[in-house]
Amino acid sequence: MGSFMVLLGWLLDILSLKGLSDAIFTRFATPSDPDYPVHRAVWGLLAAGEVEKAHALARGRWERSKSPRSGRDYIHVLLRKRDFSEAEKVAAELAERYPENAWLRVLYGDIVRFFSDPENPERALEIYRQADPLCTAMLPDHYPLSVLLKRVTRIYRERGDEDALLESMERFLSLKSTNFHHDEFILLAELHLKRGNRERAREVLETGCKAKVRDVHLREAWRKMGFGDPPPIPPRKKALPDLGGYEKVPVKTKLLTEADDPVETIKSYVEDSLKPGDVVAFSSCVAAIMEGRMLMEGTVPISLLARFTSRLIAGRHPVGAFTSSAPMANALSAQTALEEVGALRILVAIVAGGIGKAFRRDGWFYVVAGPQVAQIDDILGSLPPYDYYVMLGPKDPYLLSNRIARGLGDGVGAAIVDANDLGIAWAVGYSDRVDAKALETAMADNPAGNQDQMTPIVLVRALEGRAGLLTSPR
């Protein structure tokens, strides 16, 4: 009976009847079933608060298959249970079983670095060094090596090894990867300036200003290092809305991971700073991390349809230096979309996108594919240890927003926000009474920081003379 129901669930999944298929997987999947239905079942059990059932299912599947996907699912449950030592054992076994998989070696280093032994970076560094030849062999695909060097350079910086840091930073820069951020440009320029190599320092900053055309930090560093007037910031193609009348307070946090609870975490950071009428805006990407709504490179088999979709989109959106590709241009992103909304819906969305292109209309693919696909963030969109994962949005952002708001008490609101540096903010979910349009206007300048700033929480309040962010109770 169980096997028949899982097969039925898989058919419904292909037909994009995801609510039914996920319910069937969650109810009937067993460790003897394939990785995919077990994966969906583990997600469903965790969303329902059935952590022990999810643990038993994930462990059973891992013990049977020893596949990268089942191992990463089991690690996720172990991190939720804060069993970091067992998570390290599973990661180590994955790296040993699949010695040619660079991503699994990086995962092993990350579990040690960020969870099981964070006070001993040398252990993680040794594991990362073992991954270096694997990542280098994957060039010209620069993603694995850029992810690795992001970690290695930070460890060299922490221990003050400037020779190794300079060498690794130059290697990192040469990849022209989108995860080489303004702080890396500035650090590399400072290293050269400290050694008297002023011309190279200027070249590095000039490259940064061209790559990050709107970044004020690079231009401040340009002036501070005595290079005169920096390259100008070009005008925006689309002006930002009127942002006056709102106070926005980015809240610095620790590294938030899948081991943290979003409601309790947000409450611990903001409860002493809240005022009546405030809205707490929380990053959609970080909310997804905390729910485990992500897929890791090197663990998920890529279907033919996902490869076709990604190649189709990649051909329309070529990637430049220090820029990211279109989200669906990565095969794992396309696979993530398939798993989230089903093959039939993606096929219809591809057709709709083609029709839209014929009529010179953008965005029809995402209109048909739905908001969960529109929320997908590609790899390198987050900070370590999650910069080689494709991120979905939270499962139910409205429910999560209301849970956060209830945890904070009466008179305040909460929202899950997806914002970018193009002047676009999207309240993907919000608690009762939140004025979503007003909040999106206030957040249009993207004050949150999911990268090295680690400010995924923003307190937003309307100042005197500006309409409030909460509507009147009914």
Foldseek 3Di string as FASTA:
>chain_A
DLVVLLVVLVVCLQVLVPVSSLVSLLPRPALVDDLQSLLSNLLVCVVVVNLVVSLRRLVSVCVPPVALSSLVSNLLSCLLVLVLVVNLVSLVSNCVVCVLQLQSLLVNLQSCCPRDPVVCNVVSLVSLVSSQVSQVVPPVVNVSVLQSLLSNLVVCVVVVVLVVNLVSLVVNVVNLALLCAPVSLLVNLVSCVVVVNNVVSVVSLLVRCVLVVQDVVSQVSCVVSPVPGHDHRDDAPDDAPPQPQKDKDFFFDDDQALNDDVQVRVCVGPLVPDDFLKEKEFAQQSLQRVSVQKDFPPRDDFDPVLQVQLCVQCVVFPDDRNGDTDQSVDSVLSVSLCSVRHNVQQVVLVVQQVVCVVVVHPDSSDVSSDDQSVQWDAACPAEPPGRRIITTGDPAQAVVFQSNVVSSPPRYKYFHWHEDCSQFIARPYIYAQFPRVVVRSNCSNPPADRYPSRRRIMIMFGHPPDDGRGHDDD
